[in-house]
Amino acid sequence: MTSLLAINASPRYDLSTSRKLTSLFVEKWRAAHPGGEVVERDLIKTTLPFVDLPWIGGAFMPPEQHSPESAAAIKISDDLVAELQAADHIIIGTPMYNFTIPAVLKAYIDHIVRVGVTVVDNVGQLTGKKTTIILASGGDFRPGSPFETYNQASGYLRQVLGFIGLKDLDIVLADRARAGDRGENAVEQFGEAVSLAAAS
């Protein structure tokens, strides 16, 4: 069965441009993949601790040496990695904060970039999957714009996700979705690009 993992990182819910476009993507993906399975991961509703000493112990010591704290800490990471491993297509909807990604998405990435699991001998293991990122930004960071080089989020996401094997990656840049706007026109502005990505 074909499967989609849909990840949302915006805290704005109904006011969120990235969430509106991610919902559209899921709708179009379902239409293009009848019978396909969609797994949703809302990072705002997921308790994601930052990497700490118990997590490091869980990641770099064999299971039989785990303390109860390390076992609990690494289980969160194991569950997130398992979701990625099971998915055929991954969609990540996120805002851009201060030219990069929200802290909650960075915490998620720190859980899924795992030496010996998602990266072995510097080779990413999550190959054969397609990834789409919907990146909503308040400013204009399109290629050729005066602030193009300020967009640190796109390059970082390409690099870090490519490192774990997710190299078949497209970014839909939903620019000029300014904070405080309700985003009613998001689907009209960027819906075609999102629909094309979902159908591919």
C-alpha atoms as a PDB file:
ATOM      1  CA  MET A   1       0.000   0.000   0.000  1.00  0.00           C
ATOM      2  CA  THR A   2       1.314   3.454  -0.913  1.00  0.00           C
ATOM      3  CA  SER A   3       1.686   5.691   2.125  1.00  0.00           C
ATOM      4  CA  LEU A   4       2.085   9.403   2.843  1.00  0.00           C
ATOM      5  CA  LEU A   5       3.555  10.880   6.014  1.00  0.00           C
ATOM      6  CA  ALA A   6       2.170  14.404   6.540  1.00  0.00           C
ATOM      7  CA  ILE A   7       4.123  16.548   9.007  1.00  0.00           C
ATOM      8  CA  ASN A   8       2.919  19.962  10.214  1.00  0.00           C
ATOM      9  CA  ALA A   9       5.027  22.428  12.197  1.00  0.00           C
ATOM     10  CA  SER A  10       2.929  25.598  12.390  1.00  0.00           C
ATOM     11  CA  PRO A  11       1.311  26.659  15.695  1.00  0.00           C
ATOM     12  CA  ARG A  12      -1.251  28.852  13.879  1.00  0.00           C
ATOM     13  CA  TYR A  13      -3.653  26.046  12.893  1.00  0.00           C
ATOM     14  CA  ASP A  14      -6.626  27.579  11.015  1.00  0.00           C
ATOM     15  CA  LEU A  15      -4.652  30.771  10.363  1.00  0.00           C
ATOM     16  CA  SER A  16      -1.652  28.895   8.982  1.00  0.00           C
ATOM     17  CA  THR A  17      -0.730  29.110   5.308  1.00  0.00           C
ATOM     18  CA  SER A  18       1.497  26.033   5.499  1.00  0.00           C
ATOM     19  CA  ARG A  19      -1.295  23.995   7.127  1.00  0.00           C
ATOM     20  CA  LYS A  20      -3.845  25.061   4.508  1.00  0.00           C
ATOM     21  CA  LEU A  21      -1.484  24.039   1.730  1.00  0.00           C
ATOM     22  CA  THR A  22      -0.504  20.792   3.447  1.00  0.00           C
ATOM     23  CA  SER A  23      -4.204  19.910   3.745  1.00  0.00           C
ATOM     24  CA  LEU A  24      -4.631  20.600   0.037  1.00  0.00           C
ATOM     25  CA  PHE A  25      -1.612  18.418  -0.716  1.00  0.00           C
ATOM     26  CA  VAL A  26      -3.080  15.544   1.314  1.00  0.00           C
ATOM     27  CA  GLU A  27      -6.429  15.919  -0.461  1.00  0.00           C
ATOM     28  CA  LYS A  28      -4.803  15.837  -3.908  1.00  0.00           C
ATOM     29  CA  TRP A  29      -2.506  12.979  -2.905  1.00  0.00           C
ATOM     30  CA  ARG A  30      -5.476  10.884  -1.762  1.00  0.00           C
ATOM     31  CA  ALA A  31      -7.188  11.508  -5.096  1.00  0.00           C
ATOM     32  CA  ALA A  32      -4.063  10.443  -6.988  1.00  0.00           C
ATOM     33  CA  HIS A  33      -3.493   7.362  -4.790  1.00  0.00           C
ATOM     34  CA  PRO A  34      -6.853   5.657  -4.130  1.00  0.00           C
ATOM     35  CA  GLY A  35      -6.510   3.335  -1.171  1.00  0.00           C
ATOM     36  CA  GLY A  36      -3.280   4.991  -0.055  1.00  0.00           C
ATOM     37  CA  GLU A  37      -2.609   5.459   3.657  1.00  0.00           C
ATOM     38  CA  VAL A  38      -2.000   8.875   5.229  1.00  0.00           C
ATOM     39  CA  VAL A  39      -0.191   9.145   8.576  1.00  0.00           C
ATOM     40  CA  GLU A  40      -0.313  12.592  10.184  1.00  0.00           C
ATOM     41  CA  ARG A  41       2.357  13.894  12.538  1.00  0.00           C
ATOM     42  CA  ASP A  42       1.524  17.252  14.137  1.00  0.00           C
ATOM     43  CA  LEU A  43       4.721  18.487  15.742  1.00  0.00           C
ATOM     44  CA  ILE A  44       2.848  21.092  17.777  1.00  0.00           C
ATOM     45  CA  LYS A  45       0.865  18.323  19.470  1.00  0.00           C
ATOM     46  CA  THR A  46       3.870  16.024  19.832  1.00  0.00           C
ATOM     47  CA  THR A  47       6.051  16.332  22.916  1.00  0.00           C
ATOM     48  CA  LEU A  48       9.532  16.495  21.426  1.00  0.00           C
ATOM     49  CA  PRO A  49      12.299  16.890  23.988  1.00  0.00           C
ATOM     50  CA  PHE A  50      15.520  18.423  22.797  1.00  0.00           C
ATOM     51  CA  VAL A  51      18.539  16.143  22.548  1.00  0.00           C
ATOM     52  CA  ASP A  52      19.904  15.632  26.065  1.00  0.00           C
ATOM     53  CA  LEU A  53      22.232  13.256  27.903  1.00  0.00           C
ATOM     54  CA  PRO A  54      19.716  10.365  28.206  1.00  0.00           C
ATOM     55  CA  TRP A  55      18.941  10.656  24.472  1.00  0.00           C
ATOM     56  CA  ILE A  56      22.640  10.556  23.603  1.00  0.00           C
ATOM     57  CA  GLY A  57      23.043   7.470  25.767  1.00  0.00           C
ATOM     58  CA  GLY A  58      20.130   5.815  23.999  1.00  0.00           C
ATOM     59  CA  ALA A  59      21.459   6.694  20.560  1.00  0.00           C
ATOM     60  CA  PHE A  60      25.072   5.649  21.051  1.00  0.00           C
ATOM     61  CA  MET A  61      24.922   2.718  23.484  1.00  0.00           C
ATOM     62  CA  PRO A  62      23.529  -0.782  22.815  1.00  0.00           C
ATOM     63  CA  PRO A  63      19.976  -1.360  24.134  1.00  0.00           C
ATOM     64  CA  GLU A  64      21.135  -3.695  26.890  1.00  0.00           C
ATOM     65  CA  GLN A  65      23.122  -0.811  28.404  1.00  0.00           C
ATOM     66  CA  HIS A  66      20.271   1.712  28.335  1.00  0.00           C
ATOM     67  CA  SER A  67      19.145   3.297  31.555  1.00  0.00           C
ATOM     68  CA  PRO A  68      15.368   3.669  31.951  1.00  0.00           C
ATOM     69  CA  GLU A  69      15.780   7.357  31.069  1.00  0.00           C
ATOM     70  CA  SER A  70      17.761   6.565  27.904  1.00  0.00           C
ATOM     71  CA  ALA A  71      15.288   3.892  26.815  1.00  0.00           C
ATOM     72  CA  ALA A  72      12.386   6.330  27.206  1.00  0.00           C
ATOM     73  CA  ALA A  73      14.216   9.145  25.441  1.00  0.00           C
ATOM     74  CA  ILE A  74      15.262   7.106  22.412  1.00  0.00           C
ATOM     75  CA  LYS A  75      11.836   5.462  22.003  1.00  0.00           C
ATOM     76  CA  ILE A  76      10.451   8.789  20.758  1.00  0.00           C
ATOM     77  CA  SER A  77      13.173   8.893  18.134  1.00  0.00           C
ATOM     78  CA  ASP A  78      12.612   5.236  17.203  1.00  0.00           C
ATOM     79  CA  ASP A  79       8.899   5.880  16.639  1.00  0.00           C
ATOM     80  CA  LEU A  80       9.566   8.917  14.436  1.00  0.00           C
ATOM     81  CA  VAL A  81      12.152   7.046  12.385  1.00  0.00           C
ATOM     82  CA  ALA A  82       9.756   4.126  11.926  1.00  0.00           C
ATOM     83  CA  GLU A  83       7.156   6.518  10.480  1.00  0.00           C
ATOM     84  CA  LEU A  84       9.682   7.746   7.937  1.00  0.00           C
ATOM     85  CA  GLN A  85      10.824   4.258   7.038  1.00  0.00           C
ATOM     86  CA  ALA A  86       7.236   3.182   6.349  1.00  0.00           C
ATOM     87  CA  ALA A  87       6.371   6.186   4.149  1.00  0.00           C
ATOM     88  CA  ASP A  88       6.639   6.358   0.365  1.00  0.00           C
ATOM     89  CA  HIS A  89       6.078  10.124   0.210  1.00  0.00           C
ATOM     90  CA  ILE A  90       6.713  12.697   2.934  1.00  0.00           C
ATOM     91  CA  ILE A  91       5.118  16.146   3.043  1.00  0.00           C
ATOM     92  CA  ILE A  92       6.402  18.735   5.524  1.00  0.00           C
ATOM     93  CA  GLY A  93       4.447  21.950   6.004  1.00  0.00           C
ATOM     94  CA  THR A  94       6.324  24.604   7.946  1.00  0.00           C
ATOM     95  CA  PRO A  95       6.621  28.355   8.387  1.00  0.00           C
ATOM     96  CA  MET A  96       9.946  30.153   8.083  1.00  0.00           C
ATOM     97  CA  TYR A  97      11.041  31.849  11.298  1.00  0.00           C
ATOM     98  CA  ASN A  98      13.857  34.398  11.126  1.00  0.00           C
ATOM     99  CA  PHE A  99      15.112  32.973   7.824  1.00  0.00           C
ATOM    100  CA  THR A 100      15.207  29.381   9.073  1.00  0.00           C
ATOM    101  CA  ILE A 101      12.909  26.709  10.539  1.00  0.00           C
ATOM    102  CA  PRO A 102      10.904  26.636  13.806  1.00  0.00           C
ATOM    103  CA  ALA A 103      12.557  25.097  16.859  1.00  0.00           C
ATOM    104  CA  VAL A 104      10.005  22.274  16.922  1.00  0.00           C
ATOM    105  CA  LEU A 105      10.996  21.175  13.406  1.00  0.00           C
ATOM    106  CA  LYS A 106      14.686  21.360  14.331  1.00  0.00           C
ATOM    107  CA  ALA A 107      13.941  19.157  17.357  1.00  0.00           C
ATOM    108  CA  TYR A 108      12.196  16.676  15.042  1.00  0.00           C
ATOM    109  CA  ILE A 109      15.184  16.628  12.700  1.00  0.00           C
ATOM    110  CA  ASP A 110      17.542  15.984  15.614  1.00  0.00           C
ATOM    111  CA  HIS A 111      15.449  12.916  16.469  1.00  0.00           C
ATOM    112  CA  ILE A 112      15.507  11.460  12.947  1.00  0.00           C
ATOM    113  CA  VAL A 113      19.152  12.042  11.991  1.00  0.00           C
ATOM    114  CA  ARG A 114      20.596   8.959  13.674  1.00  0.00           C
ATOM    115  CA  VAL A 115      24.084   7.564  13.151  1.00  0.00           C
ATOM    116  CA  GLY A 116      23.807   3.831  12.588  1.00  0.00           C
ATOM    117  CA  VAL A 117      20.080   4.073  11.835  1.00  0.00           C
ATOM    118  CA  THR A 118      19.209   6.691   9.221  1.00  0.00           C
ATOM    119  CA  VAL A 119      22.870   7.335   8.350  1.00  0.00           C
ATOM    120  CA  VAL A 120      25.395   4.495   8.103  1.00  0.00           C
ATOM    121  CA  ASP A 121      29.014   5.272   7.173  1.00  0.00           C
ATOM    122  CA  ASN A 122      27.846   8.719   6.040  1.00  0.00           C
ATOM    123  CA  VAL A 123      25.317   7.171   3.635  1.00  0.00           C
ATOM    124  CA  GLY A 124      21.644   8.060   4.069  1.00  0.00           C
ATOM    125  CA  GLN A 125      19.381   5.056   4.494  1.00  0.00           C
ATOM    126  CA  LEU A 126      15.966   6.577   3.709  1.00  0.00           C
ATOM    127  CA  THR A 127      16.255   6.234  -0.047  1.00  0.00           C
ATOM    128  CA  GLY A 128      13.560   5.617  -2.646  1.00  0.00           C
ATOM    129  CA  LYS A 129      11.151   8.117  -1.073  1.00  0.00           C
ATOM    130  CA  LYS A 130       9.798  11.398  -2.383  1.00  0.00           C
ATOM    131  CA  THR A 131       9.739  14.448  -0.129  1.00  0.00           C
ATOM    132  CA  THR A 132       7.816  17.695  -0.581  1.00  0.00           C
ATOM    133  CA  ILE A 133       8.278  20.736   1.651  1.00  0.00           C
ATOM    134  CA  ILE A 134       5.803  23.589   1.823  1.00  0.00           C
ATOM    135  CA  LEU A 135       7.705  26.552   3.232  1.00  0.00           C
ATOM    136  CA  ALA A 136       5.559  29.573   4.125  1.00  0.00           C
ATOM    137  CA  SER A 137       7.374  32.858   4.608  1.00  0.00           C
ATOM    138  CA  GLY A 138       6.396  36.407   5.424  1.00  0.00           C
ATOM    139  CA  GLY A 139       8.946  37.923   3.073  1.00  0.00           C
ATOM    140  CA  ASP A 140       9.809  37.472  -0.580  1.00  0.00           C
ATOM    141  CA  PHE A 141      12.669  34.981  -0.847  1.00  0.00           C
ATOM    142  CA  ARG A 142      12.056  33.868  -4.416  1.00  0.00           C
ATOM    143  CA  PRO A 143      15.069  33.348  -6.702  1.00  0.00           C
ATOM    144  CA  GLY A 144      16.110  36.750  -7.978  1.00  0.00           C
ATOM    145  CA  SER A 145      14.512  38.704  -5.134  1.00  0.00           C
ATOM    146  CA  PRO A 146      16.697  41.044  -3.030  1.00  0.00           C
ATOM    147  CA  PHE A 147      16.372  38.703  -0.043  1.00  0.00           C
ATOM    148  CA  GLU A 148      16.881  35.399  -1.840  1.00  0.00           C
ATOM    149  CA  THR A 149      20.097  34.650   0.073  1.00  0.00           C
ATOM    150  CA  TYR A 150      18.376  35.230   3.428  1.00  0.00           C
ATOM    151  CA  ASN A 151      16.418  32.002   2.985  1.00  0.00           C
ATOM    152  CA  GLN A 152      18.453  29.646   5.139  1.00  0.00           C
ATOM    153  CA  ALA A 153      15.580  27.210   5.578  1.00  0.00           C
ATOM    154  CA  SER A 154      15.499  25.775   2.053  1.00  0.00           C
ATOM    155  CA  GLY A 155      19.207  25.039   1.864  1.00  0.00           C
ATOM    156  CA  TYR A 156      19.322  23.562   5.358  1.00  0.00           C
ATOM    157  CA  LEU A 157      16.355  21.264   4.759  1.00  0.00           C
ATOM    158  CA  ARG A 158      17.794  20.054   1.457  1.00  0.00           C
ATOM    159  CA  GLN A 159      21.143  19.347   3.084  1.00  0.00           C
ATOM    160  CA  VAL A 160      20.015  17.637   6.280  1.00  0.00           C
ATOM    161  CA  LEU A 161      17.216  15.574   4.710  1.00  0.00           C
ATOM    162  CA  GLY A 162      19.489  14.623   1.826  1.00  0.00           C
ATOM    163  CA  PHE A 163      22.029  13.436   4.390  1.00  0.00           C
ATOM    164  CA  ILE A 164      19.597  10.763   5.599  1.00  0.00           C
ATOM    165  CA  GLY A 165      18.732   9.750   2.041  1.00  0.00           C
ATOM    166  CA  LEU A 166      15.763  12.000   1.211  1.00  0.00           C
ATOM    167  CA  LYS A 167      17.289  13.504  -1.924  1.00  0.00           C
ATOM    168  CA  ASP A 168      14.223  13.383  -4.171  1.00  0.00           C
ATOM    169  CA  LEU A 169      12.981  16.617  -2.629  1.00  0.00           C
ATOM    170  CA  ASP A 170      10.876  19.529  -3.900  1.00  0.00           C
ATOM    171  CA  ILE A 171      10.217  22.806  -2.101  1.00  0.00           C
ATOM    172  CA  VAL A 172       7.084  24.888  -2.656  1.00  0.00           C
ATOM    173  CA  LEU A 173       7.966  28.374  -1.418  1.00  0.00           C
ATOM    174  CA  ALA A 174       4.752  30.066  -0.296  1.00  0.00           C
ATOM    175  CA  ASP A 175       6.226  33.536   0.036  1.00  0.00           C
ATOM    176  CA  ARG A 176       4.779  36.768   1.378  1.00  0.00           C
ATOM    177  CA  ALA A 177       2.372  34.990   3.746  1.00  0.00           C
ATOM    178  CA  ARG A 178       2.844  37.637   6.394  1.00  0.00           C
ATOM    179  CA  ALA A 179       2.266  36.965  10.097  1.00  0.00           C
ATOM    180  CA  GLY A 180      -1.180  38.128  11.160  1.00  0.00           C
ATOM    181  CA  ASP A 181      -2.769  37.582   7.754  1.00  0.00           C
ATOM    182  CA  ARG A 182      -5.485  34.972   7.668  1.00  0.00           C
ATOM    183  CA  GLY A 183      -4.111  33.259   4.577  1.00  0.00           C
ATOM    184  CA  GLU A 184      -7.451  33.013   2.762  1.00  0.00           C
ATOM    185  CA  ASN A 185      -5.717  33.357  -0.595  1.00  0.00           C
ATOM    186  CA  ALA A 186      -3.017  30.771   0.066  1.00  0.00           C
ATOM    187  CA  VAL A 187      -4.736  28.000  -1.865  1.00  0.00           C
ATOM    188  CA  GLU A 188      -5.449  30.300  -4.812  1.00  0.00           C
ATOM    189  CA  GLN A 189      -1.873  31.595  -4.886  1.00  0.00           C
ATOM    190  CA  PHE A 190       0.036  28.365  -4.409  1.00  0.00           C
ATOM    191  CA  GLY A 191      -2.542  25.629  -4.950  1.00  0.00           C
ATOM    192  CA  GLU A 192      -1.431  24.737  -8.459  1.00  0.00           C
ATOM    193  CA  ALA A 193       2.164  24.088  -7.401  1.00  0.00           C
ATOM    194  CA  VAL A 194       0.991  22.039  -4.414  1.00  0.00           C
ATOM    195  CA  SER A 195      -1.433  20.022  -6.538  1.00  0.00           C
ATOM    196  CA  LEU A 196       1.256  19.217  -9.087  1.00  0.00           C
ATOM    197  CA  ALA A 197       3.609  18.055  -6.309  1.00  0.00           C
ATOM    198  CA  ALA A 198       0.899  15.831  -4.808  1.00  0.00           C
ATOM    199  CA  ALA A 199       0.099  14.175  -8.114  1.00  0.00           C
ATOM    200  CA  SER A 200       3.711  13.349  -8.990  1.00  0.00           C
END
